[in-house]
């Protein structure tokens, strides 16, 4: 742990850190710097390396969107087996996510990146060489485990190396990388366009081993360990070295390190534990964190995004776009649009806040899904009329009714994917990565990722069956209603977290829920530190200050991020 004597007075700490109190109760350094922290080139580099890990999931989604139909034709798979293959990734990702905290908490964030990439490489190579469906599913197990590990660790690592004022934009890099992977997966179909189907999908899978191989190298030789993980393990000097890389030179990282350790101590004082019992028997503040973090992660999947993306080829085929070249062009266009919208979200999350983007995202998705439902409903009516007249020219292959205006369906899909990327996509990983306290962040993220993948498994492994049972228009109408339900949930429970440091969160949620255990732990730490200062930096009535703090629910603390 950082070598800071918590029984020293705050006056002594102030001299050590060269801090001066401001009229707002916050602190700035003796260089006079105030306001948002800048981002160093190292921070960008490390965030880029971490985000690259999410390309694995994106590539799998993109490559299977195009390869799914090829695999079905090559291996003569039923719809049920194809659904099992597509949904299998999320199923096994659940397991990887659930156990990711074991590696992450015990061996560090870097080890998790390397381990996840190793699993993914093995899995894609098995898939690429599979001769039977059983071997194909065996490879799917390891691909899913690797994805689950990676999804749980990416946003944690980026949030733990990022200043609060830039965290929203940097954490969205994971979602950007996912969509880069999706576009690369779509493009792999174009690369092997002239290759026979039975070989093309194998080459497409094999290409998936390139990015995780690079990820292993970056994790071992380029990326530093998370400073917050190092601090939690008592490796203060190493944590300080990393902080010096990710914060500008004029910032006194001792103050930031102090705040990190203070947050860890506060959480442990409030909970008296850091194991699974913290999650199983949480205080009101921790319970609200779990509701917000896990609820947001699950919401991302129940709006149907993975299901729609995995079966995009089937949907646009049902919409009347049946040519292989046309389908590939539509996929790449949709992928690029989705990617571009995430760049916009990365900027807006830090300037406009989390809540507005979530609601704008859900509104756009609802409109898009209603439009899709109406589009397919109109096609069904037109198809029925044509059949009665003995004219079935509008039917798509396989006996499914083709949509009379494919461009309308493509527009609706574009609106759905773009709206998702502006809020629900990156936000569903940003919120869990920042609301959980340091002592439970890895465990909580593993739970959030587990349930996120669970929802994804259900949605992606039942799409074709649901569409056959309830029609496409019924399925899209159902998703629209789900989006409205998610909007109601977020309106009631999601607080605005823009601009707050990770160390703020436990106290912030304690104030929201009236959790006295966290507030009392904060007061105890204040009493030890003499944390209530007068204007000239000398210690002032601690008892009165604590009483005032309890009355206002506000916390005066060292905050440079």
Protein backbone atom coordinates (compact mmCIF):
# COMPACT_ATOMS: atom_id res chain seq x y z
CA UNK A 1 0.00 0.00 0.00
CA UNK A 2 1.13 3.57 -0.49
CA UNK A 3 3.46 4.63 2.28
CA UNK A 4 1.17 7.41 3.57
CA UNK A 5 0.69 7.77 7.31
CA UNK A 6 -3.07 8.20 7.60
CA UNK A 7 -2.71 9.53 11.13
CA UNK A 8 -0.73 12.55 9.98
CA UNK A 9 -2.70 15.74 9.81
CA UNK A 10 -4.02 16.98 6.46
CA UNK A 11 -1.84 20.03 6.93
CA UNK A 12 1.23 17.80 6.72
CA UNK A 13 -0.17 15.99 3.71
CA UNK A 14 -0.92 19.32 2.04
CA UNK A 15 2.69 20.43 2.40
CA UNK A 16 3.91 17.10 1.08
CA UNK A 17 1.70 17.18 -2.00
CA UNK A 18 2.00 20.93 -2.60
CA UNK A 19 -1.78 21.37 -2.62
CA UNK A 20 -3.89 24.38 -1.79
CA UNK A 21 -7.58 24.30 -0.88
CA UNK A 22 -9.95 26.24 -3.14
CA UNK A 23 -13.23 27.87 -2.20
CA UNK A 24 -15.04 24.84 -3.66
CA UNK A 25 -13.32 22.43 -1.31
CA UNK A 26 -11.30 20.82 -4.11
CA UNK A 27 -7.55 21.10 -4.63
CA UNK A 28 -5.24 22.25 -7.34
CA UNK A 29 -1.49 21.91 -7.54
CA UNK A 30 1.06 24.64 -6.94
CA UNK A 31 1.36 25.22 -10.67
CA UNK A 32 -2.12 26.65 -10.59
CA UNK A 33 -3.56 24.03 -12.89
CA UNK A 34 -7.32 23.67 -12.58
CA UNK A 35 -9.94 21.86 -14.63
CA UNK A 36 -9.79 18.70 -16.74
CA UNK A 37 -6.61 16.64 -16.81
CA UNK A 38 -4.84 16.35 -20.15
CA UNK A 39 -4.21 13.00 -21.79
CA UNK A 40 -0.67 11.89 -22.52
CA UNK A 41 0.48 10.00 -25.59
CA UNK A 42 1.13 7.01 -23.33
CA UNK A 43 -2.49 7.00 -22.17
CA UNK A 44 -3.68 6.92 -25.76
CA UNK A 45 -1.23 4.14 -26.59
CA UNK A 46 -2.23 1.95 -23.65
CA UNK A 47 -5.95 2.51 -24.28
CA UNK A 48 -5.45 1.62 -27.94
CA UNK A 49 -3.66 -1.60 -27.02
CA UNK A 50 -6.40 -2.60 -24.58
CA UNK A 51 -9.18 -1.75 -27.03
CA UNK A 52 -7.55 -3.91 -29.69
CA UNK A 53 -8.62 -6.92 -27.64
CA UNK A 54 -12.28 -6.13 -28.44
CA UNK A 55 -11.54 -6.60 -32.14
CA UNK A 56 -11.72 -10.33 -31.46
CA UNK A 57 -15.43 -10.22 -30.62
CA UNK A 58 -16.11 -7.84 -33.50
CA UNK A 59 -14.29 -10.01 -36.00
CA UNK A 60 -16.24 -13.07 -34.88
CA UNK A 61 -19.54 -11.21 -35.31
CA UNK A 62 -18.53 -9.83 -38.70
CA UNK A 63 -17.06 -13.02 -40.10
CA UNK A 64 -19.97 -15.19 -39.00
CA UNK A 65 -22.51 -12.73 -40.38
CA UNK A 66 -21.15 -13.60 -43.81
CA UNK A 67 -19.80 -17.10 -43.12
CA UNK A 68 -22.90 -18.40 -41.31
CA UNK A 69 -24.81 -19.14 -44.50
CA UNK A 70 -21.66 -20.61 -46.09
CA UNK A 71 -21.16 -22.95 -43.12
CA UNK A 72 -24.81 -24.00 -43.23
CA UNK A 73 -24.54 -24.85 -46.93
CA UNK A 74 -21.12 -26.51 -46.60
CA UNK A 75 -22.00 -28.72 -43.62
CA UNK A 76 -25.71 -29.03 -44.43
CA UNK A 77 -26.70 -27.67 -41.01
CA UNK A 78 -30.26 -27.27 -39.82
CA UNK A 79 -31.46 -23.87 -38.56
CA UNK A 80 -31.24 -25.24 -35.02
CA UNK A 81 -27.58 -26.23 -35.38
CA UNK A 82 -26.72 -22.91 -36.99
CA UNK A 83 -28.40 -21.09 -34.09
CA UNK A 84 -26.42 -23.27 -31.66
CA UNK A 85 -23.18 -22.32 -33.42
CA UNK A 86 -23.97 -18.61 -33.53
CA UNK A 87 -25.30 -18.45 -29.98
CA UNK A 88 -22.59 -20.77 -28.70
CA UNK A 89 -20.06 -17.96 -28.59
CA UNK A 90 -22.13 -16.03 -26.07
CA UNK A 91 -22.83 -19.18 -24.06
CA UNK A 92 -19.14 -19.96 -23.60
CA UNK A 93 -18.30 -16.27 -23.19
CA UNK A 94 -20.54 -16.37 -20.11
CA UNK A 95 -18.21 -18.92 -18.55
CA UNK A 96 -15.11 -16.97 -19.52
CA UNK A 97 -16.56 -13.78 -18.07
CA UNK A 98 -17.54 -15.46 -14.81
CA UNK A 99 -14.00 -16.64 -14.14
CA UNK A 100 -12.16 -13.67 -15.62
CA UNK A 101 -11.90 -12.00 -12.23
CA UNK A 102 -9.81 -14.90 -10.92
CA UNK A 103 -7.03 -14.14 -13.39
CA UNK A 104 -7.60 -10.39 -13.32
CA UNK A 105 -7.56 -9.99 -9.53
CA UNK A 106 -4.82 -12.51 -8.82
CA UNK A 107 -2.42 -12.09 -11.73
CA UNK A 108 -3.29 -8.63 -13.03
CA UNK A 109 -4.97 -7.05 -16.03
CA UNK A 110 -2.11 -7.71 -18.45
CA UNK A 111 -2.17 -11.45 -17.76
CA UNK A 112 -5.88 -11.47 -18.53
CA UNK A 113 -5.28 -9.91 -21.95
CA UNK A 114 -2.64 -12.49 -22.86
CA UNK A 115 -4.71 -15.41 -21.56
CA UNK A 116 -7.85 -14.30 -23.42
CA UNK A 117 -5.95 -13.91 -26.68
CA UNK A 118 -4.37 -17.36 -26.34
CA UNK A 119 -7.79 -18.96 -25.93
CA UNK A 120 -9.13 -17.09 -28.95
CA UNK A 121 -6.23 -18.12 -31.20
CA UNK A 122 -6.64 -21.79 -30.35
CA UNK A 123 -10.38 -21.61 -30.91
CA UNK A 124 -10.31 -19.96 -34.34
CA UNK A 125 -7.69 -22.42 -35.60
CA UNK A 126 -9.84 -25.37 -34.51
CA UNK A 127 -12.86 -23.82 -36.23
CA UNK A 128 -10.90 -23.21 -39.42
CA UNK A 129 -9.83 -26.86 -39.67
CA UNK A 130 -13.06 -28.49 -38.41
CA UNK A 131 -14.38 -31.36 -40.52
CA UNK A 132 -17.52 -31.98 -38.48
CA UNK A 133 -20.06 -29.91 -36.60
CA UNK A 134 -18.85 -31.36 -33.30
CA UNK A 135 -15.27 -30.19 -33.88
CA UNK A 136 -16.59 -26.81 -35.03
CA UNK A 137 -18.43 -26.44 -31.70
CA UNK A 138 -15.31 -27.55 -29.80
CA UNK A 139 -13.43 -24.63 -31.31
CA UNK A 140 -16.39 -22.40 -30.50
CA UNK A 141 -15.89 -23.20 -26.82
CA UNK A 142 -12.42 -21.63 -26.76
CA UNK A 143 -13.39 -18.67 -28.93
CA UNK A 144 -16.22 -17.94 -26.51
CA UNK A 145 -14.00 -18.29 -23.44
CA UNK A 146 -11.49 -15.87 -24.95
CA UNK A 147 -14.19 -13.34 -25.82
CA UNK A 148 -15.67 -13.56 -22.31
CA UNK A 149 -12.33 -12.93 -20.64
CA UNK A 150 -11.59 -10.04 -22.97
CA UNK A 151 -14.95 -8.29 -22.65
CA UNK A 152 -14.68 -8.28 -18.87
CA UNK A 153 -11.18 -6.79 -18.75
CA UNK A 154 -11.08 -4.21 -21.59
CA UNK A 155 -13.24 -1.48 -20.04
CA UNK A 156 -11.77 -2.06 -16.57
CA UNK A 157 -8.21 -1.51 -17.74
CA UNK A 158 -9.01 1.57 -19.82
CA UNK A 159 -11.08 3.16 -17.05
CA UNK A 160 -8.29 2.53 -14.52
CA UNK A 161 -5.65 4.33 -16.58
CA UNK A 162 -7.86 7.21 -17.76
CA UNK A 163 -8.49 10.63 -16.16
CA UNK A 164 -12.15 11.14 -15.30
CA UNK A 165 -12.59 13.99 -17.79
CA UNK A 166 -11.55 11.72 -20.67
CA UNK A 167 -12.74 8.33 -19.43
CA UNK A 168 -15.98 8.33 -21.43
CA UNK A 169 -14.21 8.82 -24.73
CA UNK A 170 -11.38 6.40 -24.01
CA UNK A 171 -13.59 3.56 -22.77
CA UNK A 172 -15.66 3.84 -25.96
CA UNK A 173 -12.52 2.78 -27.80
CA UNK A 174 -13.43 -0.80 -26.86
CA UNK A 175 -16.71 -0.47 -28.73
CA UNK A 176 -14.91 1.25 -31.60
CA UNK A 177 -12.50 -1.70 -31.77
CA UNK A 178 -15.42 -4.14 -31.71
CA UNK A 179 -16.85 -2.39 -34.74
CA UNK A 180 -13.49 -2.26 -36.48
CA UNK A 181 -13.44 -6.02 -36.01
CA UNK A 182 -16.96 -6.29 -37.43
CA UNK A 183 -15.96 -4.33 -40.54
CA UNK A 184 -12.83 -6.49 -40.94
CA UNK A 185 -15.01 -9.58 -40.67
CA UNK A 186 -17.35 -8.21 -43.34
CA UNK A 187 -14.37 -7.36 -45.54
CA UNK A 188 -12.97 -10.88 -45.20
CA UNK A 189 -16.02 -12.03 -47.15
CA UNK A 190 -15.04 -9.67 -49.96
CA UNK A 191 -11.40 -10.83 -49.85
CA UNK A 192 -12.43 -14.45 -50.38
CA UNK A 193 -15.37 -13.64 -52.64
CA UNK A 194 -14.03 -15.75 -55.53
CA UNK A 195 -13.06 -18.71 -53.32
CA UNK A 196 -15.53 -21.63 -53.20
CA UNK A 197 -17.87 -21.46 -50.18
CA UNK A 198 -16.57 -24.67 -48.58
CA UNK A 199 -13.07 -23.15 -48.36
CA UNK A 200 -13.86 -19.44 -48.01
CA UNK A 201 -15.27 -19.63 -44.48
CA UNK A 202 -12.22 -21.59 -43.29
CA UNK A 203 -9.82 -18.94 -44.58
CA UNK A 204 -12.01 -16.25 -43.02
CA UNK A 205 -11.81 -17.95 -39.61
CA UNK A 206 -8.04 -18.47 -39.86
CA UNK A 207 -7.50 -14.73 -40.42
CA UNK A 208 -9.02 -14.20 -36.97
CA UNK A 209 -5.79 -15.38 -35.35
CA UNK A 210 -3.77 -12.35 -36.50
CA UNK A 211 -5.14 -9.72 -34.10
CA UNK A 212 -4.96 -11.80 -30.88
CA UNK A 213 -1.36 -12.72 -31.70
CA UNK A 214 -0.53 -9.01 -31.81
CA UNK A 215 -2.49 -8.55 -28.58
CA UNK A 216 -0.29 -11.04 -26.72
CA UNK A 217 2.83 -9.14 -27.78
CA UNK A 218 1.36 -5.80 -26.70
CA UNK A 219 0.19 -7.14 -23.34
CA UNK A 220 3.58 -8.61 -22.50
CA UNK A 221 5.93 -5.94 -23.85
CA UNK A 222 4.08 -2.62 -24.26
CA UNK A 223 1.22 -2.22 -21.79
CA UNK A 224 1.87 -1.44 -18.10
CA UNK A 225 -0.16 -2.95 -15.29
CA UNK A 226 -3.19 -1.04 -14.02
CA UNK A 227 -2.11 1.45 -11.31
CA UNK A 228 -5.27 0.77 -9.32
CA UNK A 229 -4.63 -2.98 -9.35
CA UNK A 230 -1.04 -2.37 -8.26
CA UNK A 231 -2.21 -0.10 -5.43
CA UNK A 232 -4.70 -2.72 -4.25
CA UNK A 233 -1.82 -5.21 -4.01
CA UNK A 234 0.39 -2.88 -1.97
CA UNK A 235 2.75 -2.10 -4.87
CA UNK A 236 2.62 1.66 -4.45
CA UNK A 237 5.89 2.56 -6.14
CA UNK A 238 4.99 0.60 -9.27
CA UNK A 239 1.55 2.22 -9.29
CA UNK A 240 3.20 5.63 -9.05
CA UNK A 241 5.45 4.87 -12.03
CA UNK A 242 2.42 4.00 -14.17
CA UNK A 243 0.54 7.11 -13.03
CA UNK A 244 3.53 9.23 -14.05
CA UNK A 245 3.19 7.81 -17.56
CA UNK A 246 -0.55 8.41 -17.96
CA UNK A 247 -0.79 11.85 -16.31
CA UNK A 248 0.86 15.08 -17.54
CA UNK A 249 4.23 16.00 -15.98
CA UNK A 250 2.86 18.94 -13.96
CA UNK A 251 0.46 16.72 -12.00
CA UNK A 252 1.49 15.49 -8.60
CA UNK A 253 0.68 11.79 -8.86
CA UNK A 254 1.20 11.34 -5.11
CA UNK A 255 -2.16 13.04 -4.60
CA UNK A 256 -3.84 10.76 -7.12
CA UNK A 257 -2.23 7.72 -5.53
CA UNK A 258 -3.41 8.92 -2.13
CA UNK A 259 -6.96 9.24 -3.43
CA UNK A 260 -6.88 5.74 -4.93
CA UNK A 261 -5.74 4.22 -1.64
CA UNK A 262 -8.22 6.29 0.33
CA UNK A 263 -11.01 4.90 -1.84
CA UNK A 264 -9.80 1.33 -1.32
CA UNK A 265 -9.61 1.85 2.44
CA UNK A 266 -13.06 3.44 2.53
CA UNK A 267 -14.61 0.52 0.67
CA UNK A 268 -12.92 -2.05 2.89
CA UNK A 269 -13.89 -0.12 6.02
CA UNK A 270 -17.51 -0.06 4.87
CA UNK A 271 -17.67 -3.70 3.79
CA UNK A 272 -14.95 -5.34 5.94
CA UNK A 273 -14.35 -7.68 3.01
CA UNK A 274 -13.47 -7.79 -0.67
CA UNK A 275 -14.68 -11.28 -1.63
CA UNK A 276 -17.89 -12.49 -3.23
CA UNK A 277 -19.81 -11.81 0.00
CA UNK A 278 -19.60 -8.11 -0.90
CA UNK A 279 -21.68 -8.85 -3.99
CA UNK A 280 -23.96 -11.39 -2.35
CA UNK A 281 -24.74 -9.23 0.69
CA UNK A 282 -24.14 -5.65 -0.49
CA UNK A 283 -24.83 -2.43 1.35
CA UNK A 284 -27.43 -0.11 -0.25
CA UNK A 285 -24.74 1.81 -2.15
CA UNK A 286 -23.13 -1.33 -3.54
CA UNK A 287 -26.57 -2.74 -4.38
CA UNK A 288 -27.35 0.36 -6.45
CA UNK A 289 -23.99 0.03 -8.20
CA UNK A 290 -24.83 -3.56 -9.13
CA UNK A 291 -28.31 -2.61 -10.33
CA UNK A 292 -26.95 0.17 -12.53
CA UNK A 293 -23.83 -1.60 -13.81
CA UNK A 294 -25.29 -5.05 -14.39
CA UNK A 295 -28.65 -3.71 -15.56
CA UNK A 296 -26.99 -1.54 -18.20
CA UNK A 297 -24.85 -4.43 -19.45
CA UNK A 298 -27.86 -6.75 -19.76
CA UNK A 299 -29.92 -4.04 -21.44
CA UNK A 300 -27.38 -3.84 -24.25
CA UNK A 301 -28.17 -7.40 -25.32
CA UNK A 302 -31.90 -7.66 -24.75
CA UNK A 303 -32.47 -4.94 -27.35
CA UNK A 304 -31.35 -7.61 -29.84
CA UNK A 305 -28.08 -6.21 -31.17
CA UNK A 306 -26.02 -9.42 -31.34
CA UNK A 307 -28.94 -11.39 -32.75
CA UNK A 308 -29.52 -8.82 -35.50
CA UNK A 309 -25.80 -8.53 -36.32
CA UNK A 310 -25.18 -12.29 -36.48
CA UNK A 311 -28.16 -12.78 -38.80
CA UNK A 312 -27.90 -9.60 -40.87
CA UNK A 313 -27.43 -11.62 -44.05
CA UNK A 314 -30.61 -13.55 -43.33
CA UNK A 315 -32.53 -10.34 -42.61
CA UNK A 316 -31.43 -8.51 -45.75
CA UNK A 317 -32.05 -11.70 -47.72
CA UNK A 318 -35.61 -11.73 -46.37
CA UNK A 319 -35.82 -8.04 -47.30
CA UNK A 320 -35.25 -8.97 -50.94
CA UNK A 321 -31.49 -8.36 -51.35
CA UNK A 322 -30.38 -11.81 -52.48
CA UNK A 323 -27.24 -11.25 -54.55
CA UNK A 324 -23.99 -12.21 -52.82
CA UNK A 325 -22.18 -9.10 -54.00
CA UNK A 326 -25.05 -6.81 -53.00
CA UNK A 327 -25.23 -8.40 -49.56
CA UNK A 328 -21.49 -7.92 -48.99
CA UNK A 329 -21.72 -4.27 -50.05
CA UNK A 330 -24.66 -3.65 -47.69
CA UNK A 331 -22.83 -5.34 -44.80
CA UNK A 332 -19.68 -3.26 -45.28
CA UNK A 333 -21.72 -0.06 -45.60
CA UNK A 334 -23.66 -0.78 -42.40
CA UNK A 335 -20.45 -1.67 -40.59
CA UNK A 336 -18.73 1.57 -41.57
CA UNK A 337 -21.79 3.61 -40.57
CA UNK A 338 -21.91 1.92 -37.18
CA UNK A 339 -18.19 2.51 -36.67
CA UNK A 340 -18.46 6.20 -37.54
CA UNK A 341 -21.28 6.75 -35.05
CA UNK A 342 -19.19 5.36 -32.20
CA UNK A 343 -16.54 8.01 -32.80
CA UNK A 344 -19.27 10.59 -32.32
CA UNK A 345 -20.38 8.87 -29.11
CA UNK A 346 -16.83 8.91 -27.73
CA UNK A 347 -16.84 12.71 -27.85
CA UNK A 348 -20.43 13.20 -26.70
CA UNK A 349 -20.16 10.99 -23.61
CA UNK A 350 -17.61 13.37 -22.08
CA UNK A 351 -19.33 16.58 -23.20
CA UNK A 352 -23.06 15.82 -22.97
CA UNK A 353 -23.12 13.09 -20.36
CA UNK A 354 -24.24 9.48 -20.20
CA UNK A 355 -28.01 9.76 -19.73
CA UNK A 356 -28.85 11.94 -22.78
CA UNK A 357 -27.01 9.60 -25.14
CA UNK A 358 -28.69 6.50 -23.74
CA UNK A 359 -32.14 7.99 -24.26
CA UNK A 360 -31.35 9.31 -27.74
CA UNK A 361 -29.98 5.88 -28.65
CA UNK A 362 -33.05 4.02 -27.43
CA UNK A 363 -35.41 6.47 -29.14
CA UNK A 364 -33.70 5.96 -32.49
CA UNK A 365 -33.64 2.18 -32.08
CA UNK A 366 -37.34 2.09 -31.23
CA UNK A 367 -38.24 4.10 -34.35
CA UNK A 368 -36.03 1.85 -36.51
CA UNK A 369 -37.54 -1.37 -35.15
CA UNK A 370 -41.09 -0.09 -35.63
CA UNK A 371 -40.17 0.83 -39.20
CA UNK A 372 -38.73 -2.66 -39.80
CA UNK A 373 -41.85 -4.25 -38.35
CA UNK A 374 -44.09 -2.13 -40.58
CA UNK A 375 -41.90 -2.90 -43.58
CA UNK A 376 -42.18 -6.67 -43.16
CA UNK A 377 -45.87 -6.42 -42.28
CA UNK A 378 -46.56 -4.54 -45.50
CA UNK A 379 -44.56 -7.16 -47.39
CA UNK A 380 -46.65 -9.94 -45.88
CA UNK A 381 -49.85 -8.19 -46.96
CA UNK A 382 -48.48 -7.66 -50.45
CA UNK A 383 -47.31 -11.25 -50.66
CA UNK A 384 -50.71 -12.55 -49.57
CA UNK A 385 -52.44 -10.44 -52.20
CA UNK A 386 -50.04 -11.56 -54.89
CA UNK A 387 -50.52 -15.21 -53.95
CA UNK A 388 -54.29 -14.90 -54.21
CA UNK A 389 -53.85 -13.43 -57.70
CA UNK A 390 -51.51 -16.26 -58.60
CA UNK A 391 -48.47 -13.93 -58.73
CA UNK A 392 -45.67 -14.74 -56.29
CA UNK A 393 -42.83 -12.85 -57.97
CA UNK A 394 -42.19 -10.89 -54.76
CA UNK A 395 -41.30 -14.00 -52.76
CA UNK A 396 -37.73 -14.36 -51.61
CA UNK A 397 -35.89 -17.71 -51.86
CA UNK A 398 -37.06 -20.31 -49.40
CA UNK A 399 -40.69 -19.26 -49.60
CA UNK A 400 -40.25 -16.20 -47.35
CA UNK A 401 -42.02 -13.05 -48.48
CA UNK A 402 -39.67 -10.46 -49.91
CA UNK A 403 -40.02 -6.83 -48.84
CA UNK A 404 -41.34 -4.70 -51.68
CA UNK A 405 -38.95 -1.86 -50.84
CA UNK A 406 -35.56 -3.31 -49.74
CA UNK A 407 -34.12 0.17 -49.46
CA UNK A 408 -36.59 0.98 -46.67
CA UNK A 409 -35.49 -2.10 -44.73
CA UNK A 410 -31.81 -1.22 -45.21
CA UNK A 411 -32.50 2.34 -44.04
CA UNK A 412 -34.24 1.01 -40.92
CA UNK A 413 -31.33 -1.35 -40.20
CA UNK A 414 -28.90 1.54 -40.66
CA UNK A 415 -30.89 3.68 -38.21
CA UNK A 416 -31.02 0.81 -35.71
CA UNK A 417 -27.27 0.16 -35.82
CA UNK A 418 -26.33 3.86 -35.84
CA UNK A 419 -28.61 4.62 -32.89
CA UNK A 420 -27.19 1.68 -30.96
CA UNK A 421 -23.65 2.90 -31.55
CA UNK A 422 -24.38 6.41 -30.29
CA UNK A 423 -25.39 5.24 -26.81
CA UNK A 424 -26.27 1.66 -25.90
CA UNK A 425 -23.20 0.16 -27.56
CA UNK A 426 -20.30 1.96 -25.86
CA UNK A 427 -22.34 3.12 -22.88
CA UNK A 428 -23.18 -0.38 -21.72
CA UNK A 429 -19.47 -1.00 -21.09
CA UNK A 430 -18.59 2.52 -19.96
CA UNK A 431 -21.11 2.60 -17.10
CA UNK A 432 -20.14 -0.75 -15.49
CA UNK A 433 -16.44 0.06 -15.81
CA UNK A 434 -16.82 3.29 -13.83
CA UNK A 435 -19.59 2.77 -11.26
CA UNK A 436 -18.07 -0.21 -9.45
CA UNK A 437 -15.64 0.41 -6.61
CA UNK A 438 -12.00 -0.60 -6.97
CA UNK A 439 -12.20 -3.50 -4.51
CA UNK A 440 -15.06 -5.18 -6.39
CA UNK A 441 -14.55 -3.85 -9.92
CA UNK A 442 -13.17 -7.04 -11.49
CA UNK A 443 -15.71 -9.30 -9.79
CA UNK A 444 -18.62 -7.01 -10.63
CA UNK A 445 -17.51 -6.68 -14.24
CA UNK A 446 -17.29 -10.46 -14.53
CA UNK A 447 -20.89 -10.72 -13.29
CA UNK A 448 -22.00 -7.93 -15.65
CA UNK A 449 -20.25 -9.57 -18.60
CA UNK A 450 -21.62 -13.00 -17.66
CA UNK A 451 -25.19 -11.72 -17.67
CA UNK A 452 -24.55 -9.62 -20.80
CA UNK A 453 -23.42 -12.74 -22.62
CA UNK A 454 -26.29 -14.75 -21.11
CA UNK A 455 -28.77 -12.33 -22.62
CA UNK A 456 -26.84 -12.40 -25.89
CA UNK A 457 -26.98 -16.20 -25.91
CA UNK A 458 -30.75 -16.24 -25.52
CA UNK A 459 -31.30 -13.56 -28.15
CA UNK A 460 -28.90 -14.84 -30.83
CA UNK A 461 -29.77 -18.53 -30.42
CA UNK A 462 -33.51 -17.97 -30.80
CA UNK A 463 -33.81 -15.36 -33.56
CA UNK A 464 -34.61 -17.69 -36.45
CA UNK A 465 -36.98 -19.77 -34.34
CA UNK A 466 -38.74 -16.66 -33.02
CA UNK A 467 -39.03 -15.15 -36.50
CA UNK A 468 -40.50 -18.40 -37.84
CA UNK A 469 -42.95 -18.64 -34.95
CA UNK A 470 -44.04 -15.00 -34.67
CA UNK A 471 -43.06 -13.61 -38.11
CA UNK A 472 -40.34 -11.03 -38.69
CA UNK A 473 -42.69 -8.12 -38.08
CA UNK A 474 -43.74 -9.60 -34.74
CA UNK A 475 -40.11 -10.11 -33.71
CA UNK A 476 -39.10 -6.52 -34.51
CA UNK A 477 -42.19 -5.16 -32.74
CA UNK A 478 -41.19 -7.13 -29.65
CA UNK A 479 -37.68 -5.61 -29.74
CA UNK A 480 -39.19 -2.12 -30.02
CA UNK A 481 -41.20 -2.71 -26.85
CA UNK A 482 -38.06 -3.98 -25.11
CA UNK A 483 -36.27 -0.74 -26.03
CA UNK A 484 -39.05 1.27 -24.39
CA UNK A 485 -38.78 -0.87 -21.26
CA UNK A 486 -35.01 -0.35 -21.11
CA UNK A 487 -35.50 3.41 -21.45
CA UNK A 488 -37.84 3.35 -18.45
CA UNK A 489 -35.35 1.36 -16.38
CA UNK A 490 -32.46 3.72 -17.15
CA UNK A 491 -34.61 6.79 -16.49
CA UNK A 492 -35.38 5.51 -12.98
CA UNK A 493 -32.01 4.12 -11.91
CA UNK A 494 -29.10 5.46 -14.00
CA UNK A 495 -27.41 8.50 -12.38
CA UNK A 496 -25.22 10.89 -14.35
CA UNK A 497 -21.54 9.99 -13.83
CA UNK A 498 -19.88 12.38 -16.29
CA UNK A 499 -16.73 13.98 -14.88
CA UNK A 500 -16.59 11.94 -11.66
CA UNK A 501 -13.41 10.10 -10.75
CA UNK A 502 -13.53 6.36 -10.06
CA UNK A 503 -12.72 7.13 -6.44
CA UNK A 504 -15.82 9.34 -6.20
CA UNK A 505 -18.24 6.55 -6.98
CA UNK A 506 -18.63 4.80 -3.64
CA UNK A 507 -19.40 8.09 -1.86
CA UNK A 508 -21.61 9.30 -4.73
CA UNK A 509 -23.75 6.16 -4.59
CA UNK A 510 -23.81 6.33 -0.80
CA UNK A 511 -25.31 9.81 -1.09
CA UNK A 512 -27.86 8.59 -3.64
CA UNK A 513 -28.99 5.70 -1.44
CA UNK A 514 -28.41 7.14 2.04
CA UNK A 515 -25.93 4.35 2.78
CA UNK A 516 -24.52 5.32 6.18
CA UNK A 517 -21.94 2.51 6.26
CA UNK A 518 -19.96 4.14 3.46
CA UNK A 519 -20.48 7.64 4.86
CA UNK A 520 -19.36 6.54 8.32
CA UNK A 521 -16.27 4.92 6.81
CA UNK A 522 -15.57 8.20 5.03
CA UNK A 523 -16.02 10.11 8.28
CA UNK A 524 -13.65 7.73 10.08
CA UNK A 525 -10.98 8.27 7.44
CA UNK A 526 -11.55 12.02 7.73
CA UNK A 527 -11.12 11.87 11.45
CA UNK A 528 -7.79 10.08 11.03
CA UNK A 529 -6.62 12.49 8.35
CA UNK A 530 -7.99 15.69 9.91
CA UNK A 531 -9.57 16.18 6.50
CA UNK A 532 -11.55 19.35 7.24
CA UNK A 533 -9.36 22.36 6.55
CA UNK A 534 -9.72 26.03 7.03
CA UNK A 535 -9.05 28.50 4.26
CA UNK A 536 -5.42 28.93 5.30
CA UNK A 537 -4.73 25.17 5.29
CA UNK A 538 -4.86 24.58 9.06
CA UNK A 539 -7.00 21.94 10.71
CA UNK A 540 -10.45 23.09 11.68
CA UNK A 541 -13.19 21.66 13.94
CA UNK A 542 -13.36 18.06 12.73
CA UNK A 543 -16.50 17.31 14.67
CA UNK A 544 -18.36 20.29 13.21
CA UNK A 545 -17.04 19.51 9.75
CA UNK A 546 -18.23 15.93 9.97
CA UNK A 547 -21.62 17.09 11.18
CA UNK A 548 -21.87 19.54 8.30
CA UNK A 549 -20.87 16.82 5.89
CA UNK A 550 -23.61 14.54 7.18
CA UNK A 551 -26.18 17.31 6.90
CA UNK A 552 -25.34 18.26 3.33
CA UNK A 553 -24.40 14.82 2.08
CA UNK A 554 -21.41 16.39 0.33
CA UNK A 555 -17.88 15.08 0.51
CA UNK A 556 -14.81 17.32 0.45
CA UNK A 557 -11.87 15.35 -0.84
CA UNK A 558 -8.60 15.49 -2.73
CA UNK A 559 -9.67 15.32 -6.38
CA UNK A 560 -7.35 16.04 -9.28
CA UNK A 561 -9.06 13.90 -11.90
